[in-house]
N, C-alpha and C. Protein backbone atom coordinates (compact mmCIF):
# COMPACT_ATOMS: atom_id res chain seq x y z
N MET A 1 11.33 11.13 0.34
CA MET A 1 11.57 12.18 1.54
C MET A 1 11.15 11.79 2.76
N SER A 2 11.78 12.13 3.45
CA SER A 2 11.64 11.45 5.03
C SER A 2 10.61 12.54 5.76
N GLU A 3 10.05 11.95 6.86
CA GLU A 3 9.19 12.61 7.24
C GLU A 3 9.49 14.50 7.84
N PRO A 4 10.88 14.02 8.39
CA PRO A 4 11.28 15.32 9.37
C PRO A 4 11.93 16.26 8.02
N ALA A 5 12.47 15.95 6.56
CA ALA A 5 12.34 17.01 6.12
C ALA A 5 11.42 17.66 5.37
N SER A 6 10.31 16.59 4.78
CA SER A 6 8.75 16.67 5.10
C SER A 6 8.22 18.21 5.56
N ILE A 7 8.21 17.69 7.09
CA ILE A 7 8.01 19.06 7.87
C ILE A 7 9.12 20.28 7.93
N SER A 8 10.48 19.82 7.84
CA SER A 8 10.73 21.25 7.47
C SER A 8 10.77 21.71 6.24
N LEU A 9 10.29 21.29 5.07
CA LEU A 9 9.92 22.13 4.14
C LEU A 9 8.32 22.48 4.03
N SER A 10 7.33 22.23 4.61
CA SER A 10 6.66 22.33 5.09
C SER A 10 6.57 23.66 5.37
N ILE A 11 7.18 23.78 6.78
CA ILE A 11 6.99 24.85 7.72
C ILE A 11 7.52 26.10 6.77
N ALA A 12 9.21 25.91 6.12
CA ALA A 12 9.81 26.99 5.67
C ALA A 12 8.77 27.01 4.60
N SER A 13 7.90 26.43 3.75
CA SER A 13 6.94 27.10 2.98
C SER A 13 6.40 28.36 3.60
N ARG A 14 5.70 28.25 4.61
CA ARG A 14 4.31 28.83 4.86
C ARG A 14 4.99 30.28 4.93
N TYR A 15 6.20 29.96 5.58
CA TYR A 15 6.96 31.15 6.18
C TYR A 15 6.83 32.17 5.03
N ALA A 16 8.46 31.19 4.17
CA ALA A 16 8.11 31.95 2.45
C ALA A 16 6.93 32.03 1.69
N GLN A 17 5.86 31.78 2.10
CA GLN A 17 4.86 32.24 1.41
C GLN A 17 4.58 33.72 1.92
N ALA A 18 4.54 33.51 3.12
CA ALA A 18 4.24 35.43 3.90
C ALA A 18 4.91 35.95 3.51
N LEU A 19 6.16 35.82 3.22
CA LEU A 19 7.21 37.09 3.10
C LEU A 19 7.52 37.18 1.65
N PHE A 20 7.03 36.03 1.01
CA PHE A 20 7.15 36.60 -0.36
C PHE A 20 5.69 37.39 -0.85
N GLU A 21 4.56 37.27 -0.37
CA GLU A 21 3.73 38.24 -0.32
C GLU A 21 3.39 39.03 0.42
N ILE A 22 3.94 39.37 1.39
CA ILE A 22 4.38 40.77 1.80
C ILE A 22 5.16 41.58 1.30
N ALA A 23 6.36 41.16 0.78
CA ALA A 23 7.55 41.80 -0.03
C ALA A 23 6.67 42.51 -1.56
N LYS A 24 5.90 41.24 -1.81
CA LYS A 24 5.63 41.53 -3.41
C LYS A 24 4.20 42.90 -3.10
N GLU A 25 3.54 42.72 -2.19
CA GLU A 25 2.35 43.97 -1.77
C GLU A 25 3.13 45.42 -1.66
N GLU A 26 4.49 45.28 -0.48
CA GLU A 26 5.23 46.47 -0.31
C GLU A 26 6.28 46.97 -1.36
N ASN A 27 6.01 46.05 -2.91
CA ASN A 27 6.92 46.24 -3.88
C ASN A 27 8.19 46.05 -3.18
N GLY A 28 8.96 45.19 -2.22
CA GLY A 28 10.24 44.99 -1.84
C GLY A 28 10.71 44.17 -2.93
N LEU A 29 10.11 43.25 -4.01
CA LEU A 29 10.84 42.28 -4.17
C LEU A 29 12.46 42.67 -4.33
N LYS A 30 12.90 43.31 -4.90
CA LYS A 30 14.22 43.31 -5.04
C LYS A 30 14.45 43.19 -3.64
N ALA A 31 14.22 43.80 -2.94
CA ALA A 31 14.85 43.90 -1.67
C ALA A 31 14.79 42.57 -1.13
N LEU A 32 13.87 41.83 -1.52
CA LEU A 32 13.49 40.66 -0.68
C LEU A 32 14.58 39.65 -1.46
N GLU A 33 14.92 40.12 -2.86
CA GLU A 33 15.71 38.72 -3.94
C GLU A 33 17.15 39.50 -2.67
N ALA A 34 17.75 40.40 -2.46
CA ALA A 34 19.04 40.83 -2.09
C ALA A 34 19.13 40.11 -0.94
N ASP A 35 18.11 40.57 0.25
CA ASP A 35 18.21 39.71 1.50
C ASP A 35 18.10 38.30 0.97
N THR A 36 17.60 37.44 0.68
CA THR A 36 17.83 35.80 -0.04
C THR A 36 19.39 35.75 0.13
N ASP A 37 19.45 36.51 -0.72
CA ASP A 37 20.84 35.85 -1.66
C ASP A 37 21.81 36.10 -0.32
N ALA A 38 22.05 37.20 0.20
CA ALA A 38 23.06 37.50 1.58
C ALA A 38 22.32 36.67 2.70
N LEU A 39 21.68 35.83 2.77
CA LEU A 39 21.14 35.12 3.79
C LEU A 39 21.70 33.97 3.52
N GLY A 40 21.96 33.34 1.92
CA GLY A 40 21.89 32.02 1.63
C GLY A 40 23.35 31.59 1.45
N ALA A 41 24.56 33.19 1.67
CA ALA A 41 25.42 33.34 1.54
C ALA A 41 25.92 33.57 2.94
N ALA A 42 25.39 33.60 3.38
CA ALA A 42 26.25 33.69 5.34
C ALA A 42 25.51 32.41 6.05
N LEU A 43 24.52 31.41 5.73
CA LEU A 43 24.65 30.50 5.68
C LEU A 43 26.04 29.55 5.17
N ALA A 44 26.04 29.64 4.13
CA ALA A 44 26.68 28.53 3.26
C ALA A 44 28.18 28.94 3.45
N ALA A 45 28.38 30.66 4.28
CA ALA A 45 29.65 30.70 4.43
C ALA A 45 29.94 30.10 5.74
N SER A 46 29.36 30.38 7.35
CA SER A 46 28.99 30.10 8.60
C SER A 46 28.58 28.52 9.18
N PRO A 47 29.78 27.75 9.10
CA PRO A 47 29.21 26.20 9.93
C PRO A 47 28.83 26.82 11.21
N GLU A 48 29.19 27.71 11.92
CA GLU A 48 28.56 28.14 13.41
C GLU A 48 27.61 28.82 13.08
N LEU A 49 27.25 29.54 12.07
CA LEU A 49 25.61 29.84 11.68
C LEU A 49 24.68 28.62 11.95
N ALA A 50 25.41 27.86 11.08
CA ALA A 50 23.97 26.77 10.56
C ALA A 50 24.04 26.10 11.91
N SER A 51 25.15 25.81 12.41
CA SER A 51 25.16 24.95 13.76
C SER A 51 24.35 25.93 14.81
N MET A 52 24.26 26.89 15.18
CA MET A 52 23.73 27.52 15.82
C MET A 52 22.11 27.54 15.84
N ILE A 53 21.94 27.47 14.70
CA ILE A 53 20.12 28.04 14.28
C ILE A 53 19.98 26.82 14.12
N ALA A 54 20.81 25.46 14.19
CA ALA A 54 19.90 24.05 14.00
C ALA A 54 19.88 23.39 15.49
N SER A 55 20.82 24.37 16.42
CA SER A 55 21.11 23.66 17.97
C SER A 55 19.70 23.63 18.73
N PRO A 56 19.47 22.81 19.47
CA PRO A 56 18.62 22.71 20.68
C PRO A 56 18.61 23.10 21.75
N VAL A 57 20.25 23.38 21.97
CA VAL A 57 20.59 23.33 23.43
C VAL A 57 21.10 24.92 23.55
N VAL A 58 20.82 25.98 22.20
CA VAL A 58 20.89 27.50 22.31
C VAL A 58 19.81 27.17 22.58
N ALA A 59 19.65 28.50 23.95
CA ALA A 59 18.29 29.01 24.00
C ALA A 59 17.40 30.13 23.04
N ARG A 60 16.26 30.05 22.91
CA ARG A 60 15.56 30.60 22.15
C ARG A 60 15.99 32.09 22.07
N GLU A 61 16.43 32.46 23.39
CA GLU A 61 16.67 34.01 23.21
C GLU A 61 17.65 34.35 22.41
N ASP A 62 18.89 33.55 23.04
CA ASP A 62 20.41 33.41 22.51
C ASP A 62 20.28 33.71 21.10
N GLN A 63 19.79 32.78 20.12
CA GLN A 63 19.39 32.44 19.22
C GLN A 63 18.80 33.50 18.36
N ALA A 64 17.66 34.64 19.02
CA ALA A 64 17.29 35.30 18.73
C ALA A 64 17.55 36.44 18.59
N SER A 65 18.43 36.78 19.95
CA SER A 65 19.50 38.06 19.91
C SER A 65 20.70 37.92 18.96
N ALA A 66 21.20 36.90 18.77
CA ALA A 66 22.10 36.60 17.40
C ALA A 66 21.88 37.17 15.94
N MET A 67 20.45 36.30 15.34
CA MET A 67 19.85 36.84 14.30
C MET A 67 19.60 38.13 14.66
N ALA A 68 19.53 38.72 15.43
CA ALA A 68 19.02 40.24 14.99
C ALA A 68 19.81 40.80 15.04
N ALA A 69 21.32 40.61 15.46
CA ALA A 69 22.45 41.34 15.58
C ALA A 69 22.82 41.34 14.06
N ILE A 70 23.12 39.70 13.45
CA ILE A 70 23.02 39.74 12.37
C ILE A 70 22.60 40.45 11.01
N ALA A 71 21.62 40.03 11.29
CA ALA A 71 20.09 40.87 10.42
C ALA A 71 20.29 42.88 10.49
N ALA A 72 21.05 43.10 11.69
CA ALA A 72 21.28 44.65 11.13
C ALA A 72 22.95 44.84 11.13
N LYS A 73 23.29 43.74 10.74
CA LYS A 73 25.06 43.55 11.13
C LYS A 73 24.94 43.19 9.17
N MET A 74 24.02 42.48 8.81
CA MET A 74 23.96 42.49 7.09
C MET A 74 23.02 43.67 6.44
N GLY A 75 22.67 44.22 7.19
CA GLY A 75 21.73 44.98 6.42
C GLY A 75 19.98 44.67 5.68
N LEU A 76 20.09 43.58 6.51
CA LEU A 76 18.38 43.15 5.77
C LEU A 76 17.48 43.84 6.49
N SER A 77 16.21 43.96 5.22
CA SER A 77 15.31 44.60 5.30
C SER A 77 14.12 44.20 6.15
N ALA A 78 13.42 44.85 6.33
CA ALA A 78 12.63 45.25 7.86
C ALA A 78 11.86 44.02 8.14
N VAL A 79 11.44 43.82 7.04
CA VAL A 79 10.52 42.27 7.13
C VAL A 79 10.80 41.37 7.12
N MET A 80 12.73 40.87 6.00
CA MET A 80 13.39 39.60 6.47
C MET A 80 13.03 39.96 7.98
N SER A 81 13.80 40.99 8.39
CA SER A 81 14.57 40.88 10.15
C SER A 81 13.37 40.12 11.09
N ASN A 82 11.99 41.32 10.60
CA ASN A 82 10.91 41.06 11.60
C ASN A 82 10.48 39.28 11.39
N THR A 83 10.65 38.50 9.65
CA THR A 83 10.28 37.33 9.90
C THR A 83 11.34 36.52 10.86
N ILE A 84 12.73 36.84 10.56
CA ILE A 84 13.64 36.10 11.44
C ILE A 84 13.38 35.82 12.56
N ALA A 85 13.42 37.15 13.41
CA ALA A 85 12.91 37.48 14.98
C ALA A 85 11.54 36.24 15.38
N LEU A 86 10.96 36.23 14.03
CA LEU A 86 9.35 35.86 14.75
C LEU A 86 9.91 33.90 14.65
N MET A 87 10.79 33.75 13.51
CA MET A 87 11.04 31.96 13.67
C MET A 87 12.02 32.00 14.58
N ALA A 88 12.99 33.16 15.47
CA ALA A 88 13.39 32.55 16.25
C ALA A 88 12.59 32.51 17.71
N SER A 89 11.43 33.29 17.90
CA SER A 89 10.74 33.35 18.94
C SER A 89 9.77 31.86 18.65
N ASN A 90 9.26 31.04 17.45
CA ASN A 90 8.83 30.33 17.16
C ASN A 90 9.66 29.17 17.57
N ARG A 91 11.06 28.92 17.32
CA ARG A 91 11.31 27.93 17.59
C ARG A 91 12.02 27.47 15.79
N ARG A 92 11.99 28.15 15.24
CA ARG A 92 12.11 27.56 13.64
C ARG A 92 13.53 27.99 12.78
N LEU A 93 13.94 28.45 13.76
CA LEU A 93 15.51 28.69 12.56
C LEU A 93 15.64 27.85 12.36
N PHE A 94 15.76 26.66 12.25
CA PHE A 94 16.26 25.03 11.47
C PHE A 94 15.97 25.30 10.27
N VAL A 95 15.19 25.73 9.89
CA VAL A 95 14.38 25.91 8.41
C VAL A 95 14.89 27.17 7.69
N LEU A 96 15.81 28.11 8.43
CA LEU A 96 16.56 28.60 7.80
C LEU A 96 16.91 28.08 5.80
N PRO A 97 17.82 27.92 6.13
CA PRO A 97 18.23 26.77 4.29
C PRO A 97 17.26 26.45 3.27
N GLN A 98 15.96 25.99 3.94
CA GLN A 98 14.94 25.62 3.17
C GLN A 98 14.31 27.09 3.00
N LEU A 99 14.11 28.09 3.88
CA LEU A 99 13.19 29.45 3.19
C LEU A 99 14.42 29.85 2.44
N VAL A 100 15.32 29.76 2.36
CA VAL A 100 16.09 30.79 1.39
C VAL A 100 15.91 30.11 0.43
N SER A 101 15.58 28.41 -0.19
CA SER A 101 15.84 27.98 -1.21
C SER A 101 14.67 28.20 -1.43
N ASP A 102 13.02 28.47 -1.05
CA ASP A 102 11.70 28.68 -1.21
C ASP A 102 11.39 29.89 -1.91
N LEU A 103 12.42 31.01 -1.30
CA LEU A 103 12.03 32.13 -1.66
C LEU A 103 12.66 32.73 -2.86
N ARG A 104 13.99 31.69 -3.15
CA ARG A 104 14.76 31.71 -4.69
C ARG A 104 13.64 31.22 -5.43
N ALA A 105 13.23 30.33 -5.61
CA ALA A 105 12.25 29.70 -6.53
C ALA A 105 11.23 30.07 -6.88
N ARG A 106 10.80 31.55 -5.10
CA ARG A 106 9.26 32.31 -6.18
C ARG A 106 9.98 33.43 -6.09
N ILE A 107 10.64 33.94 -6.20
CA ILE A 107 11.52 34.93 -6.81
C ILE A 107 11.80 34.85 -8.47
N ALA A 108 12.26 33.89 -8.65
CA ALA A 108 12.42 33.52 -9.66
C ALA A 108 11.31 33.26 -10.90
N ALA A 109 10.38 32.34 -10.22
CA ALA A 109 8.92 32.01 -10.83
C ALA A 109 8.35 33.89 -11.30
N GLU A 110 8.46 34.73 -10.74
CA GLU A 110 8.17 35.84 -10.01
C GLU A 110 8.40 36.50 -11.75
N LYS A 111 10.06 36.34 -11.60
CA LYS A 111 10.74 36.95 -12.45
C LYS A 111 10.90 36.13 -13.95
N GLY A 112 10.47 35.43 -14.07
CA GLY A 112 10.26 34.62 -15.40
C GLY A 112 11.66 33.86 -15.46
N GLU A 113 12.11 33.10 -14.36
CA GLU A 113 13.81 32.87 -14.38
C GLU A 113 13.94 31.34 -14.30
N VAL A 114 14.78 30.75 -14.57
CA VAL A 114 15.14 29.51 -13.63
C VAL A 114 16.31 29.41 -13.77
N THR A 115 16.37 28.58 -12.79
CA THR A 115 17.98 28.63 -11.84
C THR A 115 18.90 27.34 -12.29
N ALA A 116 19.76 27.63 -13.00
CA ALA A 116 20.68 26.33 -13.32
C ALA A 116 21.84 26.10 -12.06
N GLU A 117 21.99 25.35 -12.07
CA GLU A 117 23.09 24.69 -10.96
C GLU A 117 24.00 24.13 -11.82
N VAL A 118 25.63 25.17 -12.02
CA VAL A 118 26.65 24.68 -12.30
C VAL A 118 27.91 24.74 -11.50
N THR A 119 28.16 23.18 -11.56
CA THR A 119 29.00 22.91 -11.31
C THR A 119 30.62 22.60 -12.07
N SER A 120 31.63 23.20 -11.93
CA SER A 120 32.71 23.50 -12.58
C SER A 120 33.91 23.33 -11.87
N ALA A 121 35.07 22.35 -12.65
CA ALA A 121 36.51 21.96 -12.16
C ALA A 121 37.22 23.63 -11.72
N THR A 122 37.04 24.47 -12.53
CA THR A 122 37.56 25.48 -12.08
C THR A 122 36.28 26.78 -12.12
N ALA A 123 36.79 27.44 -11.70
CA ALA A 123 35.92 29.28 -11.59
C ALA A 123 35.60 29.24 -12.84
N LEU A 124 34.50 30.09 -13.45
CA LEU A 124 34.01 30.25 -15.05
C LEU A 124 34.22 32.00 -14.37
N SER A 125 34.58 32.15 -15.75
CA SER A 125 35.42 33.60 -16.01
C SER A 125 33.93 34.32 -16.13
N ALA A 126 33.84 35.87 -16.08
CA ALA A 126 32.33 36.48 -16.62
C ALA A 126 31.79 35.96 -17.61
N GLU A 127 32.66 36.01 -18.41
CA GLU A 127 32.49 35.63 -20.14
C GLU A 127 31.80 34.25 -20.59
N GLN A 128 32.14 33.15 -19.72
CA GLN A 128 31.96 31.89 -19.59
C GLN A 128 30.82 32.12 -19.50
N SER A 129 30.51 32.46 -18.45
CA SER A 129 29.09 32.51 -17.09
C SER A 129 27.86 33.03 -18.43
N LYS A 130 28.69 34.46 -19.08
CA LYS A 130 27.55 35.26 -20.02
C LYS A 130 27.77 34.33 -20.48
N ALA A 131 28.35 33.51 -21.50
CA ALA A 131 28.22 32.58 -22.40
C ALA A 131 26.75 31.48 -22.40
N LEU A 132 27.30 30.85 -20.87
CA LEU A 132 26.32 29.47 -20.55
C LEU A 132 25.07 29.77 -20.52
N ALA A 133 25.18 31.27 -19.76
CA ALA A 133 23.58 31.50 -19.63
C ALA A 133 22.84 31.87 -20.62
N ALA A 134 23.23 32.28 -21.78
CA ALA A 134 23.06 33.35 -23.01
C ALA A 134 22.55 31.87 -23.77
N SER A 135 23.54 30.55 -23.81
CA SER A 135 23.03 29.71 -24.79
C SER A 135 22.10 28.62 -23.94
N LEU A 136 21.61 28.57 -22.54
CA LEU A 136 20.84 27.52 -21.71
C LEU A 136 19.73 28.59 -21.97
N LYS A 137 19.62 30.40 -22.20
CA LYS A 137 18.12 30.74 -22.26
C LYS A 137 17.70 30.26 -23.46
N ALA A 138 18.58 29.95 -24.91
CA ALA A 138 18.09 29.98 -26.17
C ALA A 138 17.47 28.27 -26.00
N LYS A 139 17.81 27.85 -24.98
CA LYS A 139 17.48 26.46 -25.11
C LYS A 139 16.22 26.42 -24.61
N VAL A 140 16.50 26.71 -23.18
CA VAL A 140 14.23 26.86 -22.56
C VAL A 140 14.04 28.24 -22.22
N GLY A 141 13.95 29.26 -23.23
CA GLY A 141 13.15 30.29 -23.72
C GLY A 141 13.25 30.96 -22.65
N LYS A 142 13.75 30.85 -21.58
CA LYS A 142 13.83 32.25 -20.12
C LYS A 142 14.79 32.47 -19.62
N ASP A 143 14.66 33.58 -19.07
CA ASP A 143 16.14 34.07 -18.31
C ASP A 143 16.32 32.86 -17.56
N VAL A 144 18.25 32.62 -17.69
CA VAL A 144 18.56 31.61 -16.73
C VAL A 144 19.66 32.23 -15.67
N LYS A 145 20.02 31.90 -14.63
CA LYS A 145 20.38 32.77 -13.62
C LYS A 145 21.19 31.29 -13.02
N LEU A 146 22.39 31.71 -13.01
CA LEU A 146 23.38 30.48 -13.18
C LEU A 146 24.11 29.85 -11.30
N GLN A 147 23.73 29.47 -10.83
CA GLN A 147 24.30 29.36 -9.14
C GLN A 147 25.17 28.37 -9.46
N THR A 148 26.77 28.79 -9.46
CA THR A 148 27.59 28.34 -9.83
C THR A 148 28.74 27.13 -7.94
N THR A 149 29.37 26.10 -8.72
CA THR A 149 30.07 25.82 -7.73
C THR A 149 31.60 25.67 -8.26
N VAL A 150 32.69 24.87 -7.57
CA VAL A 150 33.59 24.44 -8.24
C VAL A 150 33.81 22.88 -7.58
N ASP A 151 34.30 22.25 -8.28
CA ASP A 151 34.25 20.66 -7.40
C ASP A 151 35.83 20.32 -8.09
N GLU A 152 37.13 20.41 -8.08
CA GLU A 152 38.29 19.94 -8.68
C GLU A 152 38.49 19.03 -9.33
N SER A 153 37.29 17.54 -8.06
CA SER A 153 37.67 16.92 -8.94
C SER A 153 36.60 15.97 -9.86
N LEU A 154 36.45 17.42 -10.84
CA LEU A 154 35.69 16.95 -12.43
C LEU A 154 36.77 17.04 -13.29
N ILE A 155 38.09 17.31 -13.00
CA ILE A 155 39.08 17.15 -13.81
C ILE A 155 39.26 18.13 -15.29
N GLY A 156 37.79 18.18 -15.65
CA GLY A 156 37.87 19.60 -16.30
C GLY A 156 36.09 19.47 -16.95
N GLY A 157 35.80 20.39 -17.95
CA GLY A 157 34.47 20.59 -18.14
C GLY A 157 33.41 21.04 -17.22
N LEU A 158 31.96 20.75 -17.06
CA LEU A 158 30.84 21.11 -16.56
C LEU A 158 29.88 20.14 -16.12
N ILE A 159 28.87 20.50 -15.30
CA ILE A 159 28.40 19.91 -14.73
C ILE A 159 26.76 21.23 -14.88
N VAL A 160 26.15 20.41 -15.83
CA VAL A 160 24.97 21.60 -15.61
C VAL A 160 23.33 20.68 -15.34
N LYS A 161 23.01 20.93 -14.06
CA LYS A 161 21.83 20.70 -13.82
C LYS A 161 20.35 22.18 -13.51
N LEU A 162 19.40 22.12 -14.64
CA LEU A 162 18.55 23.11 -14.95
C LEU A 162 17.27 21.92 -14.93
N GLY A 163 15.98 22.28 -14.32
CA GLY A 163 15.13 21.89 -14.02
C GLY A 163 15.17 20.12 -13.63
N SER A 164 15.04 19.78 -13.91
CA SER A 164 15.20 18.02 -14.19
C SER A 164 16.13 17.50 -15.08
N SER A 165 16.71 18.38 -16.05
CA SER A 165 17.84 17.79 -16.78
C SER A 165 19.29 17.87 -16.28
N MET A 166 20.34 17.03 -16.37
CA MET A 166 21.21 17.51 -16.11
C MET A 166 22.21 16.75 -17.38
N ILE A 167 23.37 17.84 -17.39
CA ILE A 167 24.19 17.42 -19.03
C ILE A 167 25.44 17.39 -18.02
N ASP A 168 26.18 16.52 -17.93
CA ASP A 168 27.40 16.19 -17.72
C ASP A 168 28.39 15.49 -18.69
N THR A 169 29.31 16.92 -18.89
CA THR A 169 30.26 17.19 -19.91
C THR A 169 31.74 16.92 -19.19
N SER A 170 31.97 16.64 -17.76
CA SER A 170 33.62 16.21 -17.17
C SER A 170 34.29 15.51 -17.49
N VAL A 171 35.23 15.68 -17.47
CA VAL A 171 36.49 14.73 -17.91
C VAL A 171 36.18 13.27 -16.41
N LYS A 172 35.76 13.50 -15.62
CA LYS A 172 35.73 12.59 -14.61
C LYS A 172 34.45 11.58 -15.27
N ALA A 173 33.74 12.00 -15.62
CA ALA A 173 32.17 11.29 -16.01
C ALA A 173 32.58 10.37 -17.52
N LYS A 174 33.58 11.26 -18.23
CA LYS A 174 34.17 10.26 -19.16
C LYS A 174 34.68 9.72 -18.50
N LEU A 175 35.73 9.52 -18.26
CA LEU A 175 36.79 8.56 -17.75
C LEU A 175 36.20 7.49 -16.94
N ALA A 176 34.70 7.44 -15.94
CA ALA A 176 34.22 6.47 -15.23
C ALA A 176 33.86 6.10 -16.66
N ALA A 177 33.14 6.56 -17.96
CA ALA A 177 32.43 5.61 -18.95
C ALA A 177 33.17 4.99 -19.17
N LEU A 178 34.49 5.23 -20.11
CA LEU A 178 35.64 4.86 -20.52
C LEU A 178 35.81 3.25 -19.30
N GLN A 179 36.28 3.61 -18.51
CA GLN A 179 36.40 2.47 -17.33
C GLN A 179 35.36 1.49 -17.10
N ASN A 180 33.64 2.01 -17.85
CA ASN A 180 32.94 0.66 -17.99
C ASN A 180 33.01 0.17 -18.42
N VAL A 181 33.09 0.89 -19.45
CA VAL A 181 33.68 0.02 -21.33
C VAL A 181 34.72 -0.80 -21.29
N MET A 182 35.68 -0.65 -20.67
CA MET A 182 37.04 -1.06 -20.30
C MET A 182 36.56 -2.85 -19.57
N LYS A 183 35.73 -2.60 -18.88
CA LYS A 183 35.53 -3.79 -18.09
C LYS A 183 34.60 -4.70 -18.82
N GLU A 184 33.55 -3.71 -19.27
CA GLU A 184 32.95 -5.05 -20.33
C GLU A 184 33.65 -5.98 -21.37
N VAL A 185 34.92 -4.93 -22.27
CA VAL A 185 35.58 -5.78 -22.91
C VAL A 185 36.14 -6.78 -22.37
N GLY A 186 37.14 -6.83 -21.47
CA GLY A 186 37.70 -7.39 -20.51
C GLY A 186 37.41 -8.58 -19.37
């Protein structure tokens, strides 16, 4: 891991730990989870937001007022809004993506859940998601929360990442393996 990435993770971890502990003390973990999911979705959906929080040329006051307006519009809890305001005043908004990731991990650990990253060629239906989560739960013995993405280049099948293990049943991977076998023959 590069040094700047390590520093960002360290900064995000400190904010996440403080935010998580405050929310836990105030019995606000459900609100924190909703805020974290909403903030993560906003960061993923808006490249403008991601570039604004990472930009060193945007003034601190402009970042703070923009994030305050976004937090109000999204209906974030006071704890999350205050944390974002503190991060803006300290010029630490660039670690928001790592903060979201760290908070998701802490909340999942508290709830006894694990998160599986699932990439599929087409969007999974509710039944497919439910069946996959049940199958993974039987394997790991914990509740599994699916984080799904769509990658049409897979042609068909799934890639499931659960902890340190990965299961790749995509047609793309099978075609690549077949291509390698063909190279060895000829």
